[in-house]
Amino acid sequence: MPSNLLLYEKDNNLLLKALRENPEYTKILDRAVDMNLIVLVPATVTLEAMKITTDFVQSHLITTNPVKTSQFVSVNGVRGLFSSMRDSLTVLSPPPQGEAFDFFRQPADLFAGNSKLLGSMVIPAH
């Protein structure tokens, strides 16, 4: 039954537990709420033996492209696309390595035409 599954996930999901119980992650989540970010919550079964870290949390806090909402970028720079039914996603690129990623700019700037990571799929902000 879906409602039982949702209750189970709410109580047992490792990411949700970490967001509730770890003060560092709670601060990150508070900022995410202020910015209207989306939390991607993987199913509990996919998190078995997974260590929840700051990078993991940041890669699951996203904003979508205001012009093309199937595109997303996470707080630490993971870029991807949602499927047309919004029931799955594809990661296009991992977080940038060796360079600072400035997530906390205007969301439209995250998807500007000069982004190499989304290439021709990016719709420039106007």
C-alpha atoms as a PDB file:
ATOM      1  CA  MET A   1       0.000   0.000   0.000  1.00  0.00           C
ATOM      2  CA  PRO A   2       1.557   3.370  -1.001  1.00  0.00           C
ATOM      3  CA  SER A   3       0.637   5.165   2.228  1.00  0.00           C
ATOM      4  CA  ASN A   4       2.438   2.480   4.256  1.00  0.00           C
ATOM      5  CA  LEU A   5       5.467   2.761   1.983  1.00  0.00           C
ATOM      6  CA  LEU A   6       5.524   6.535   2.391  1.00  0.00           C
ATOM      7  CA  LEU A   7       5.254   6.222   6.180  1.00  0.00           C
ATOM      8  CA  TYR A   8       8.045   3.656   6.168  1.00  0.00           C
ATOM      9  CA  GLU A   9      10.258   5.930   4.059  1.00  0.00           C
ATOM     10  CA  LYS A  10       9.504   8.931   6.269  1.00  0.00           C
ATOM     11  CA  ASP A  11      10.586   7.020   9.374  1.00  0.00           C
ATOM     12  CA  ASN A  12      13.447   4.915   8.005  1.00  0.00           C
ATOM     13  CA  ASN A  13      15.064   6.653   5.047  1.00  0.00           C
ATOM     14  CA  LEU A  14      18.749   7.271   5.803  1.00  0.00           C
ATOM     15  CA  LEU A  15      18.819  10.642   4.036  1.00  0.00           C
ATOM     16  CA  LEU A  16      15.692  11.890   5.803  1.00  0.00           C
ATOM     17  CA  LYS A  17      17.037  10.679   9.155  1.00  0.00           C
ATOM     18  CA  ALA A  18      20.335  12.462   8.555  1.00  0.00           C
ATOM     19  CA  LEU A  19      18.539  15.690   7.605  1.00  0.00           C
ATOM     20  CA  ARG A  20      16.498  15.490  10.824  1.00  0.00           C
ATOM     21  CA  GLU A  21      19.222  14.409  13.215  1.00  0.00           C
ATOM     22  CA  ASN A  22      22.533  15.907  12.074  1.00  0.00           C
ATOM     23  CA  PRO A  23      22.825  19.602  13.042  1.00  0.00           C
ATOM     24  CA  GLU A  24      25.149  20.334  10.088  1.00  0.00           C
ATOM     25  CA  TYR A  25      22.642  18.885   7.627  1.00  0.00           C
ATOM     26  CA  THR A  26      19.755  20.639   9.381  1.00  0.00           C
ATOM     27  CA  LYS A  27      21.496  23.980   8.704  1.00  0.00           C
ATOM     28  CA  ILE A  28      21.944  23.033   5.043  1.00  0.00           C
ATOM     29  CA  LEU A  29      18.275  22.028   4.847  1.00  0.00           C
ATOM     30  CA  ASP A  30      17.153  25.292   6.478  1.00  0.00           C
ATOM     31  CA  ARG A  31      18.999  27.247   3.797  1.00  0.00           C
ATOM     32  CA  ALA A  32      17.525  24.985   1.117  1.00  0.00           C
ATOM     33  CA  VAL A  33      14.014  25.684   2.421  1.00  0.00           C
ATOM     34  CA  ASP A  34      14.682  29.435   2.332  1.00  0.00           C
ATOM     35  CA  MET A  35      15.712  29.050  -1.320  1.00  0.00           C
ATOM     36  CA  ASN A  36      12.775  26.780  -2.277  1.00  0.00           C
ATOM     37  CA  LEU A  37      15.104  23.966  -3.291  1.00  0.00           C
ATOM     38  CA  ILE A  38      13.859  20.454  -3.994  1.00  0.00           C
ATOM     39  CA  VAL A  39      15.141  17.500  -1.970  1.00  0.00           C
ATOM     40  CA  LEU A  40      15.655  14.353  -4.027  1.00  0.00           C
ATOM     41  CA  VAL A  41      15.028  11.435  -1.664  1.00  0.00           C
ATOM     42  CA  PRO A  42      16.262   8.074  -2.951  1.00  0.00           C
ATOM     43  CA  ALA A  43      14.299   5.008  -1.835  1.00  0.00           C
ATOM     44  CA  THR A  44      15.605   3.370   1.326  1.00  0.00           C
ATOM     45  CA  VAL A  45      16.560   0.199  -0.531  1.00  0.00           C
ATOM     46  CA  THR A  46      18.975   2.184  -2.730  1.00  0.00           C
ATOM     47  CA  LEU A  47      20.692   3.681   0.307  1.00  0.00           C
ATOM     48  CA  GLU A  48      21.706   0.433   1.996  1.00  0.00           C
ATOM     49  CA  ALA A  49      25.392   0.561   2.989  1.00  0.00           C
ATOM     50  CA  MET A  50      25.536   4.193   1.786  1.00  0.00           C
ATOM     51  CA  LYS A  51      27.263   6.747   3.977  1.00  0.00           C
ATOM     52  CA  ILE A  52      25.400  10.056   4.132  1.00  0.00           C
ATOM     53  CA  THR A  53      27.953  12.870   3.800  1.00  0.00           C
ATOM     54  CA  THR A  54      27.774  16.612   3.203  1.00  0.00           C
ATOM     55  CA  ASP A  55      28.541  16.014  -0.499  1.00  0.00           C
ATOM     56  CA  PHE A  56      25.753  13.432  -0.676  1.00  0.00           C
ATOM     57  CA  VAL A  57      23.277  15.851   0.929  1.00  0.00           C
ATOM     58  CA  GLN A  58      24.342  18.692  -1.363  1.00  0.00           C
ATOM     59  CA  SER A  59      23.994  16.511  -4.455  1.00  0.00           C
ATOM     60  CA  HIS A  60      20.367  15.777  -3.484  1.00  0.00           C
ATOM     61  CA  LEU A  61      19.330  19.433  -3.041  1.00  0.00           C
ATOM     62  CA  ILE A  62      18.439  20.855  -6.432  1.00  0.00           C
ATOM     63  CA  THR A  63      16.850  23.680  -8.332  1.00  0.00           C
ATOM     64  CA  THR A  64      15.333  23.376 -11.772  1.00  0.00           C
ATOM     65  CA  ASN A  65      15.801  25.554 -14.818  1.00  0.00           C
ATOM     66  CA  PRO A  66      12.957  28.111 -14.707  1.00  0.00           C
ATOM     67  CA  VAL A  67      12.675  27.970 -18.513  1.00  0.00           C
ATOM     68  CA  LYS A  68      13.012  24.194 -18.978  1.00  0.00           C
ATOM     69  CA  THR A  69      12.066  22.478 -15.722  1.00  0.00           C
ATOM     70  CA  SER A  70      13.339  19.070 -16.818  1.00  0.00           C
ATOM     71  CA  GLN A  71      16.893  20.402 -16.281  1.00  0.00           C
ATOM     72  CA  PHE A  72      18.325  20.559 -12.771  1.00  0.00           C
ATOM     73  CA  VAL A  73      21.495  21.445 -10.929  1.00  0.00           C
ATOM     74  CA  SER A  74      22.364  20.505  -7.362  1.00  0.00           C
ATOM     75  CA  VAL A  75      23.964  22.659  -4.688  1.00  0.00           C
ATOM     76  CA  ASN A  76      27.354  21.056  -5.409  1.00  0.00           C
ATOM     77  CA  GLY A  77      27.034  21.218  -9.202  1.00  0.00           C
ATOM     78  CA  VAL A  78      25.570  17.865 -10.263  1.00  0.00           C
ATOM     79  CA  ARG A  79      23.646  18.497 -13.488  1.00  0.00           C
ATOM     80  CA  GLY A  80      20.919  16.351 -14.908  1.00  0.00           C
ATOM     81  CA  LEU A  81      17.543  15.862 -16.526  1.00  0.00           C
ATOM     82  CA  PHE A  82      14.213  14.510 -15.315  1.00  0.00           C
ATOM     83  CA  SER A  83      12.325  12.075 -17.520  1.00  0.00           C
ATOM     84  CA  SER A  84       9.154  13.367 -19.171  1.00  0.00           C
ATOM     85  CA  MET A  85       7.031  11.587 -16.529  1.00  0.00           C
ATOM     86  CA  ARG A  86       9.269  12.925 -13.726  1.00  0.00           C
ATOM     87  CA  ASP A  87       9.649   9.376 -12.401  1.00  0.00           C
ATOM     88  CA  SER A  88      13.383   9.071 -13.046  1.00  0.00           C
ATOM     89  CA  LEU A  89      16.399  11.220 -13.725  1.00  0.00           C
ATOM     90  CA  THR A  90      19.642  11.116 -15.659  1.00  0.00           C
ATOM     91  CA  VAL A  91      22.826  12.600 -14.266  1.00  0.00           C
ATOM     92  CA  LEU A  92      24.660  14.415 -17.049  1.00  0.00           C
ATOM     93  CA  SER A  93      27.717  15.427 -15.062  1.00  0.00           C
ATOM     94  CA  PRO A  94      29.076  14.952 -11.558  1.00  0.00           C
ATOM     95  CA  PRO A  95      30.109  17.833  -9.324  1.00  0.00           C
ATOM     96  CA  PRO A  96      32.935  19.888 -10.833  1.00  0.00           C
ATOM     97  CA  GLN A  97      36.364  18.767  -9.619  1.00  0.00           C
ATOM     98  CA  GLY A  98      39.150  21.193  -8.847  1.00  0.00           C
ATOM     99  CA  GLU A  99      37.049  24.317  -9.306  1.00  0.00           C
ATOM    100  CA  ALA A 100      34.713  26.161  -7.005  1.00  0.00           C
ATOM    101  CA  PHE A 101      31.025  25.872  -7.893  1.00  0.00           C
ATOM    102  CA  ASP A 102      28.966  28.932  -6.962  1.00  0.00           C
ATOM    103  CA  PHE A 103      25.433  27.630  -6.550  1.00  0.00           C
ATOM    104  CA  PHE A 104      24.177  30.626  -4.612  1.00  0.00           C
ATOM    105  CA  ARG A 105      23.688  32.964  -7.558  1.00  0.00           C
ATOM    106  CA  GLN A 106      20.498  33.628  -9.459  1.00  0.00           C
ATOM    107  CA  PRO A 107      19.018  30.255 -10.492  1.00  0.00           C
ATOM    108  CA  ALA A 108      18.706  31.353 -14.129  1.00  0.00           C
ATOM    109  CA  ASP A 109      22.486  31.953 -14.163  1.00  0.00           C
ATOM    110  CA  LEU A 110      23.023  28.275 -13.316  1.00  0.00           C
ATOM    111  CA  PHE A 111      21.547  27.413 -16.719  1.00  0.00           C
ATOM    112  CA  ALA A 112      23.009  30.249 -18.781  1.00  0.00           C
ATOM    113  CA  GLY A 113      24.027  29.554 -22.364  1.00  0.00           C
ATOM    114  CA  ASN A 114      27.718  29.566 -21.494  1.00  0.00           C
ATOM    115  CA  SER A 115      27.374  26.350 -19.498  1.00  0.00           C
ATOM    116  CA  LYS A 116      29.523  23.637 -21.074  1.00  0.00           C
ATOM    117  CA  LEU A 117      27.872  20.912 -19.018  1.00  0.00           C
ATOM    118  CA  LEU A 118      24.389  21.004 -20.507  1.00  0.00           C
ATOM    119  CA  GLY A 119      25.564  22.078 -23.928  1.00  0.00           C
ATOM    120  CA  SER A 120      22.850  22.386 -26.533  1.00  0.00           C
ATOM    121  CA  MET A 121      20.139  21.414 -24.054  1.00  0.00           C
ATOM    122  CA  VAL A 122      20.532  24.696 -22.179  1.00  0.00           C
ATOM    123  CA  ILE A 123      18.021  27.394 -22.900  1.00  0.00           C
ATOM    124  CA  PRO A 124      19.660  30.771 -22.161  1.00  0.00           C
ATOM    125  CA  ALA A 125      17.946  32.930 -19.546  1.00  0.00           C
ATOM    126  CA  HIS A 126      16.602  36.249 -20.840  1.00  0.00           C
END
